[in-house]
Amino acid sequence: MRSFLTVVIFPLFFGLFAILTVYALVRYGILAAVFAIGGFGVLPFLVRGAKGAIRKRRKNEFEAEAEKYGIKVY
C-alpha cells in the first residue's frame, strides 16, 4: 500500500520545483536555476531522514506496547 507521502506530496513538490526552476531560469538566469536544482537535489536526503525518524518512532511505540504485555522484542 502506498503512503500519502509518495502518492500526493512527492508529485506536488516535484511539480512545484520544476515550475520554480523554469521560472528562475527564465526570469533570473542560469545561476538562479542552478541554485533551484541544487535545492531540489537536497530534498531526497531530507525526506529519507524524515522517513527514518518516523520508522524509529513507530518501532519504539511497538516495543513499548510489547513490553506492556511482557513480550521481548529483539
PDB file of N, CA and C in Angstrom:
ATOM      1  N   MET A   1       0.840  -1.180   0.000  1.00  0.00           N
ATOM      2  CA  MET A   1       0.000   0.000   0.000  1.00  0.00           C
ATOM      3  C   MET A   1       0.884   1.241   0.000  1.00  0.00           C
ATOM      4  N   ARG A   2       0.583   2.126  -0.877  1.00  0.00           N
ATOM      5  CA  ARG A   2       1.396   3.334  -0.973  1.00  0.00           C
ATOM      6  C   ARG A   2       0.924   4.364   0.048  1.00  0.00           C
ATOM      7  N   SER A   3       1.871   5.107   0.553  1.00  0.00           N
ATOM      8  CA  SER A   3       1.528   6.094   1.572  1.00  0.00           C
ATOM      9  C   SER A   3       1.115   7.413   0.928  1.00  0.00           C
ATOM     10  N   PHE A   4       0.477   8.237   1.725  1.00  0.00           N
ATOM     11  CA  PHE A   4       0.051   9.565   1.293  1.00  0.00           C
ATOM     12  C   PHE A   4       1.252  10.388   0.839  1.00  0.00           C
ATOM     13  N   LEU A   5       2.389  10.164   1.508  1.00  0.00           N
ATOM     14  CA  LEU A   5       3.607  10.899   1.186  1.00  0.00           C
ATOM     15  C   LEU A   5       4.053  10.647  -0.249  1.00  0.00           C
ATOM     16  N   THR A   6       4.061   9.389  -0.670  1.00  0.00           N
ATOM     17  CA  THR A   6       4.555   9.071  -2.012  1.00  0.00           C
ATOM     18  C   THR A   6       3.529   9.358  -3.097  1.00  0.00           C
ATOM     19  N   VAL A   7       2.247   9.277  -2.768  1.00  0.00           N
ATOM     20  CA  VAL A   7       1.213   9.457  -3.788  1.00  0.00           C
ATOM     21  C   VAL A   7       0.894  10.927  -4.025  1.00  0.00           C
ATOM     22  N   VAL A   8       0.851  11.732  -2.976  1.00  0.00           N
ATOM     23  CA  VAL A   8       0.402  13.121  -3.112  1.00  0.00           C
ATOM     24  C   VAL A   8       1.534  14.129  -2.939  1.00  0.00           C
ATOM     25  N   ILE A   9       2.273  14.016  -1.863  1.00  0.00           N
ATOM     26  CA  ILE A   9       3.246  15.050  -1.514  1.00  0.00           C
ATOM     27  C   ILE A   9       4.425  15.082  -2.481  1.00  0.00           C
ATOM     28  N   PHE A  10       5.021  13.931  -2.813  1.00  0.00           N
ATOM     29  CA  PHE A  10       6.171  13.924  -3.720  1.00  0.00           C
ATOM     30  C   PHE A  10       5.849  14.511  -5.090  1.00  0.00           C
ATOM     31  N   PRO A  11       4.770  14.074  -5.746  1.00  0.00           N
ATOM     32  CA  PRO A  11       4.459  14.684  -7.050  1.00  0.00           C
ATOM     33  C   PRO A  11       4.178  16.181  -6.948  1.00  0.00           C
ATOM     34  N   LEU A  12       3.553  16.590  -5.846  1.00  0.00           N
ATOM     35  CA  LEU A  12       3.271  18.010  -5.645  1.00  0.00           C
ATOM     36  C   LEU A  12       4.570  18.805  -5.539  1.00  0.00           C
ATOM     37  N   PHE A  13       5.503  18.331  -4.722  1.00  0.00           N
ATOM     38  CA  PHE A  13       6.791  19.006  -4.593  1.00  0.00           C
ATOM     39  C   PHE A  13       7.584  18.959  -5.896  1.00  0.00           C
ATOM     40  N   PHE A  14       7.545  17.827  -6.584  1.00  0.00           N
ATOM     41  CA  PHE A  14       8.266  17.714  -7.845  1.00  0.00           C
ATOM     42  C   PHE A  14       7.746  18.732  -8.859  1.00  0.00           C
ATOM     43  N   GLY A  15       6.442  18.832  -8.980  1.00  0.00           N
ATOM     44  CA  GLY A  15       5.851  19.808  -9.900  1.00  0.00           C
ATOM     45  C   GLY A  15       6.187  21.230  -9.503  1.00  0.00           C
ATOM     46  N   LEU A  16       6.116  21.522  -8.212  1.00  0.00           N
ATOM     47  CA  LEU A  16       6.432  22.865  -7.728  1.00  0.00           C
ATOM     48  C   LEU A  16       7.882  23.235  -8.022  1.00  0.00           C
ATOM     49  N   PHE A  17       8.803  22.331  -7.743  1.00  0.00           N
ATOM     50  CA  PHE A  17      10.210  22.622  -8.004  1.00  0.00           C
ATOM     51  C   PHE A  17      10.509  22.722  -9.493  1.00  0.00           C
ATOM     52  N   ALA A  18       9.838  21.924 -10.311  1.00  0.00           N
ATOM     53  CA  ALA A  18      10.036  22.030 -11.761  1.00  0.00           C
ATOM     54  C   ALA A  18       9.576  23.394 -12.261  1.00  0.00           C
ATOM     55  N   ILE A  19       8.425  23.838 -11.799  1.00  0.00           N
ATOM     56  CA  ILE A  19       7.909  25.152 -12.207  1.00  0.00           C
ATOM     57  C   ILE A  19       8.828  26.263 -11.717  1.00  0.00           C
ATOM     58  N   LEU A  20       9.261  26.176 -10.457  1.00  0.00           N
ATOM     59  CA  LEU A  20      10.142  27.214  -9.915  1.00  0.00           C
ATOM     60  C   LEU A  20      11.499  27.234 -10.611  1.00  0.00           C
ATOM     61  N   THR A  21      11.997  26.075 -11.004  1.00  0.00           N
ATOM     62  CA  THR A  21      13.275  26.018 -11.711  1.00  0.00           C
ATOM     63  C   THR A  21      13.172  26.689 -13.072  1.00  0.00           C
ATOM     64  N   VAL A  22      12.119  26.396 -13.798  1.00  0.00           N
ATOM     65  CA  VAL A  22      11.924  27.032 -15.110  1.00  0.00           C
ATOM     66  C   VAL A  22      11.722  28.531 -14.940  1.00  0.00           C
ATOM     67  N   TYR A  23      10.949  28.930 -13.941  1.00  0.00           N
ATOM     68  CA  TYR A  23      10.733  30.356 -13.687  1.00  0.00           C
ATOM     69  C   TYR A  23      12.055  31.053 -13.346  1.00  0.00           C
ATOM     70  N   ALA A  24      12.864  30.421 -12.492  1.00  0.00           N
ATOM     71  CA  ALA A  24      14.154  31.013 -12.126  1.00  0.00           C
ATOM     72  C   ALA A  24      15.062  31.139 -13.341  1.00  0.00           C
ATOM     73  N   LEU A  25      15.039  30.140 -14.214  1.00  0.00           N
ATOM     74  CA  LEU A  25      15.863  30.179 -15.419  1.00  0.00           C
ATOM     75  C   LEU A  25      15.434  31.314 -16.336  1.00  0.00           C
ATOM     76  N   VAL A  26      14.148  31.453 -16.553  1.00  0.00           N
ATOM     77  CA  VAL A  26      13.636  32.479 -17.474  1.00  0.00           C
ATOM     78  C   VAL A  26      13.782  33.873 -16.875  1.00  0.00           C
ATOM     79  N   ARG A  27      13.433  34.029 -15.614  1.00  0.00           N
ATOM     80  CA  ARG A  27      13.384  35.367 -15.007  1.00  0.00           C
ATOM     81  C   ARG A  27      14.754  35.858 -14.538  1.00  0.00           C
ATOM     82  N   TYR A  28      15.532  34.990 -13.901  1.00  0.00           N
ATOM     83  CA  TYR A  28      16.759  35.442 -13.245  1.00  0.00           C
ATOM     84  C   TYR A  28      18.043  34.901 -13.856  1.00  0.00           C
ATOM     85  N   GLY A  29      17.970  33.943 -14.742  1.00  0.00           N
ATOM     86  CA  GLY A  29      19.162  33.453 -15.411  1.00  0.00           C
ATOM     87  C   GLY A  29      19.616  32.097 -14.907  1.00  0.00           C
ATOM     88  N   ILE A  30      20.744  31.681 -15.442  1.00  0.00           N
ATOM     89  CA  ILE A  30      21.229  30.324 -15.215  1.00  0.00           C
ATOM     90  C   ILE A  30      21.667  30.077 -13.771  1.00  0.00           C
ATOM     91  N   LEU A  31      22.254  31.072 -13.114  1.00  0.00           N
ATOM     92  CA  LEU A  31      22.742  30.873 -11.751  1.00  0.00           C
ATOM     93  C   LEU A  31      21.596  30.567 -10.787  1.00  0.00           C
ATOM     94  N   ALA A  32      20.499  31.288 -10.914  1.00  0.00           N
ATOM     95  CA  ALA A  32      19.339  31.029 -10.052  1.00  0.00           C
ATOM     96  C   ALA A  32      18.765  29.642 -10.322  1.00  0.00           C
ATOM     97  N   ALA A  33      18.769  29.228 -11.583  1.00  0.00           N
ATOM     98  CA  ALA A  33      18.268  27.890 -11.923  1.00  0.00           C
ATOM     99  C   ALA A  33      19.162  26.813 -11.316  1.00  0.00           C
ATOM    100  N   VAL A  34      20.468  27.046 -11.302  1.00  0.00           N
ATOM    101  CA  VAL A  34      21.399  26.084 -10.690  1.00  0.00           C
ATOM    102  C   VAL A  34      21.117  25.956  -9.192  1.00  0.00           C
ATOM    103  N   PHE A  35      20.862  27.083  -8.528  1.00  0.00           N
ATOM    104  CA  PHE A  35      20.531  27.030  -7.101  1.00  0.00           C
ATOM    105  C   PHE A  35      19.203  26.306  -6.865  1.00  0.00           C
ATOM    106  N   ALA A  36      18.231  26.519  -7.742  1.00  0.00           N
ATOM    107  CA  ALA A  36      16.936  25.831  -7.608  1.00  0.00           C
ATOM    108  C   ALA A  36      17.109  24.325  -7.783  1.00  0.00           C
ATOM    109  N   ILE A  37      17.896  23.913  -8.762  1.00  0.00           N
ATOM    110  CA  ILE A  37      18.145  22.486  -8.989  1.00  0.00           C
ATOM    111  C   ILE A  37      18.923  21.891  -7.815  1.00  0.00           C
ATOM    112  N   GLY A  38      19.874  22.650  -7.275  1.00  0.00           N
ATOM    113  CA  GLY A  38      20.621  22.185  -6.102  1.00  0.00           C
ATOM    114  C   GLY A  38      19.713  21.976  -4.901  1.00  0.00           C
ATOM    115  N   GLY A  39      18.771  22.887  -4.696  1.00  0.00           N
ATOM    116  CA  GLY A  39      17.796  22.731  -3.616  1.00  0.00           C
ATOM    117  C   GLY A  39      16.931  21.506  -3.820  1.00  0.00           C
ATOM    118  N   PHE A  40      16.570  21.245  -5.068  1.00  0.00           N
ATOM    119  CA  PHE A  40      15.771  20.059  -5.384  1.00  0.00           C
ATOM    120  C   PHE A  40      16.581  18.789  -5.145  1.00  0.00           C
ATOM    121  N   GLY A  41      17.894  18.858  -5.371  1.00  0.00           N
ATOM    122  CA  GLY A  41      18.755  17.696  -5.155  1.00  0.00           C
ATOM    123  C   GLY A  41      18.911  17.329  -3.689  1.00  0.00           C
ATOM    124  N   VAL A  42      18.723  18.290  -2.792  1.00  0.00           N
ATOM    125  CA  VAL A  42      18.842  18.036  -1.355  1.00  0.00           C
ATOM    126  C   VAL A  42      17.572  17.387  -0.802  1.00  0.00           C
ATOM    127  N   LEU A  43      16.451  17.592  -1.471  1.00  0.00           N
ATOM    128  CA  LEU A  43      15.158  17.114  -0.979  1.00  0.00           C
ATOM    129  C   LEU A  43      15.117  15.616  -0.657  1.00  0.00           C
ATOM    130  N   PRO A  44      15.647  14.725  -1.502  1.00  0.00           N
ATOM    131  CA  PRO A  44      15.585  13.293  -1.161  1.00  0.00           C
ATOM    132  C   PRO A  44      16.292  12.942   0.152  1.00  0.00           C
ATOM    133  N   PHE A  45      17.377  13.645   0.467  1.00  0.00           N
ATOM    134  CA  PHE A  45      18.084  13.379   1.716  1.00  0.00           C
ATOM    135  C   PHE A  45      17.259  13.826   2.920  1.00  0.00           C
ATOM    136  N   LEU A  46      16.546  14.939   2.782  1.00  0.00           N
ATOM    137  CA  LEU A  46      15.682  15.401   3.862  1.00  0.00           C
ATOM    138  C   LEU A  46      14.522  14.435   4.080  1.00  0.00           C
ATOM    139  N   VAL A  47      13.950  13.951   2.982  1.00  0.00           N
ATOM    140  CA  VAL A  47      12.830  13.013   3.074  1.00  0.00           C
ATOM    141  C   VAL A  47      13.289  11.696   3.688  1.00  0.00           C
ATOM    142  N   ARG A  48      14.467  11.222   3.312  1.00  0.00           N
ATOM    143  CA  ARG A  48      14.996   9.973   3.868  1.00  0.00           C
ATOM    144  C   ARG A  48      15.165  10.101   5.383  1.00  0.00           C
ATOM    145  N   GLY A  49      15.654  11.250   5.838  1.00  0.00           N
ATOM    146  CA  GLY A  49      15.794  11.471   7.280  1.00  0.00           C
ATOM    147  C   GLY A  49      14.452  11.492   7.989  1.00  0.00           C
ATOM    148  N   ALA A  50      13.455  12.118   7.366  1.00  0.00           N
ATOM    149  CA  ALA A  50      12.119  12.166   7.961  1.00  0.00           C
ATOM    150  C   ALA A  50      11.502  10.776   8.028  1.00  0.00           C
ATOM    151  N   LYS A  51      11.660  10.000   6.966  1.00  0.00           N
ATOM    152  CA  LYS A  51      11.121   8.632   6.967  1.00  0.00           C
ATOM    153  C   LYS A  51      11.800   7.784   8.038  1.00  0.00           C
ATOM    154  N   GLY A  52      13.114   7.948   8.207  1.00  0.00           N
ATOM    155  CA  GLY A  52      13.838   7.203   9.235  1.00  0.00           C
ATOM    156  C   GLY A  52      13.354   7.548  10.632  1.00  0.00           C
ATOM    157  N   ALA A  53      13.086   8.831  10.866  1.00  0.00           N
ATOM    158  CA  ALA A  53      12.600   9.257  12.177  1.00  0.00           C
ATOM    159  C   ALA A  53      11.211   8.686  12.456  1.00  0.00           C
ATOM    160  N   ILE A  54      10.352   8.665  11.438  1.00  0.00           N
ATOM    161  CA  ILE A  54       9.008   8.104  11.600  1.00  0.00           C
ATOM    162  C   ILE A  54       9.096   6.609  11.882  1.00  0.00           C
ATOM    163  N   ARG A  55       9.949   5.918  11.136  1.00  0.00           N
ATOM    164  CA  ARG A  55      10.115   4.475  11.322  1.00  0.00           C
ATOM    165  C   ARG A  55      10.630   4.172  12.733  1.00  0.00           C
ATOM    166  N   LYS A  56      11.575   4.972  13.219  1.00  0.00           N
ATOM    167  CA  LYS A  56      12.139   4.756  14.554  1.00  0.00           C
ATOM    168  C   LYS A  56      11.074   4.990  15.628  1.00  0.00           C
ATOM    169  N   ARG A  57      10.260   6.030  15.448  1.00  0.00           N
ATOM    170  CA  ARG A  57       9.212   6.306  16.425  1.00  0.00           C
ATOM    171  C   ARG A  57       8.198   5.163  16.477  1.00  0.00           C
ATOM    172  N   ARG A  58       7.810   4.654  15.303  1.00  0.00           N
ATOM    173  CA  ARG A  58       6.862   3.530  15.262  1.00  0.00           C
ATOM    174  C   ARG A  58       7.443   2.290  15.933  1.00  0.00           C
ATOM    175  N   LYS A  59       8.740   2.049  15.708  1.00  0.00           N
ATOM    176  CA  LYS A  59       9.395   0.886  16.319  1.00  0.00           C
ATOM    177  C   LYS A  59       9.396   1.028  17.837  1.00  0.00           C
ATOM    178  N   ASN A  60       9.696   2.230  18.335  1.00  0.00           N
ATOM    179  CA  ASN A  60       9.715   2.454  19.777  1.00  0.00           C
ATOM    180  C   ASN A  60       8.324   2.267  20.384  1.00  0.00           C
ATOM    181  N   GLU A  61       7.293   2.746  19.678  1.00  0.00           N
ATOM    182  CA  GLU A  61       5.929   2.568  20.172  1.00  0.00           C
ATOM    183  C   GLU A  61       5.557   1.086  20.205  1.00  0.00           C
ATOM    184  N   PHE A  62       5.967   0.349  19.184  1.00  0.00           N
ATOM    185  CA  PHE A  62       5.688  -1.088  19.126  1.00  0.00           C
ATOM    186  C   PHE A  62       6.375  -1.814  20.274  1.00  0.00           C
ATOM    187  N   GLU A  63       7.642  -1.479  20.527  1.00  0.00           N
ATOM    188  CA  GLU A  63       8.381  -2.126  21.613  1.00  0.00           C
ATOM    189  C   GLU A  63       7.761  -1.800  22.968  1.00  0.00           C
ATOM    190  N   ALA A  64       7.316  -0.565  23.161  1.00  0.00           N
ATOM    191  CA  ALA A  64       6.687  -0.191  24.428  1.00  0.00           C
ATOM    192  C   ALA A  64       5.384  -0.963  24.632  1.00  0.00           C
ATOM    193  N   GLU A  65       4.610  -1.119  23.570  1.00  0.00           N
ATOM    194  CA  GLU A  65       3.364  -1.884  23.653  1.00  0.00           C
ATOM    195  C   GLU A  65       3.651  -3.354  23.973  1.00  0.00           C
ATOM    196  N   ALA A  66       4.691  -3.909  23.345  1.00  0.00           N
ATOM    197  CA  ALA A  66       5.052  -5.307  23.589  1.00  0.00           C
ATOM    198  C   ALA A  66       5.523  -5.508  25.027  1.00  0.00           C
ATOM    199  N   GLU A  67       6.315  -4.576  25.545  1.00  0.00           N
ATOM    200  CA  GLU A  67       6.805  -4.687  26.921  1.00  0.00           C
ATOM    201  C   GLU A  67       5.659  -4.636  27.925  1.00  0.00           C
ATOM    202  N   LYS A  68       4.619  -3.892  27.584  1.00  0.00           N
ATOM    203  CA  LYS A  68       3.468  -3.786  28.470  1.00  0.00           C
ATOM    204  C   LYS A  68       2.834  -5.162  28.707  1.00  0.00           C
ATOM    205  N   TYR A  69       2.885  -6.012  27.694  1.00  0.00           N
ATOM    206  CA  TYR A  69       2.316  -7.352  27.807  1.00  0.00           C
ATOM    207  C   TYR A  69       3.373  -8.413  28.118  1.00  0.00           C
ATOM    208  N   GLY A  70       4.597  -7.987  28.419  1.00  0.00           N
ATOM    209  CA  GLY A  70       5.649  -8.914  28.803  1.00  0.00           C
ATOM    210  C   GLY A  70       6.283  -9.660  27.646  1.00  0.00           C
ATOM    211  N   ILE A  71       6.224  -9.095  26.454  1.00  0.00           N
ATOM    212  CA  ILE A  71       6.805  -9.733  25.269  1.00  0.00           C
ATOM    213  C   ILE A  71       8.159  -9.098  24.995  1.00  0.00           C
ATOM    214  N   LYS A  72       9.170  -9.930  24.805  1.00  0.00           N
ATOM    215  CA  LYS A  72      10.508  -9.425  24.474  1.00  0.00           C
ATOM    216  C   LYS A  72      10.610  -9.201  22.972  1.00  0.00           C
ATOM    217  N   VAL A  73      11.134  -8.050  22.590  1.00  0.00           N
ATOM    218  CA  VAL A  73      11.326  -7.732  21.172  1.00  0.00           C
ATOM    219  C   VAL A  73      12.817  -7.578  20.937  1.00  0.00           C
ATOM    220  N   TYR A  74      13.338  -8.310  19.964  1.00  0.00           N
ATOM    221  CA  TYR A  74      14.773  -8.243  19.676  1.00  0.00           C
ATOM    222  C   TYR A  74      15.020  -7.539  18.374  1.00  0.00           C
TER     223      TYR A  74
END
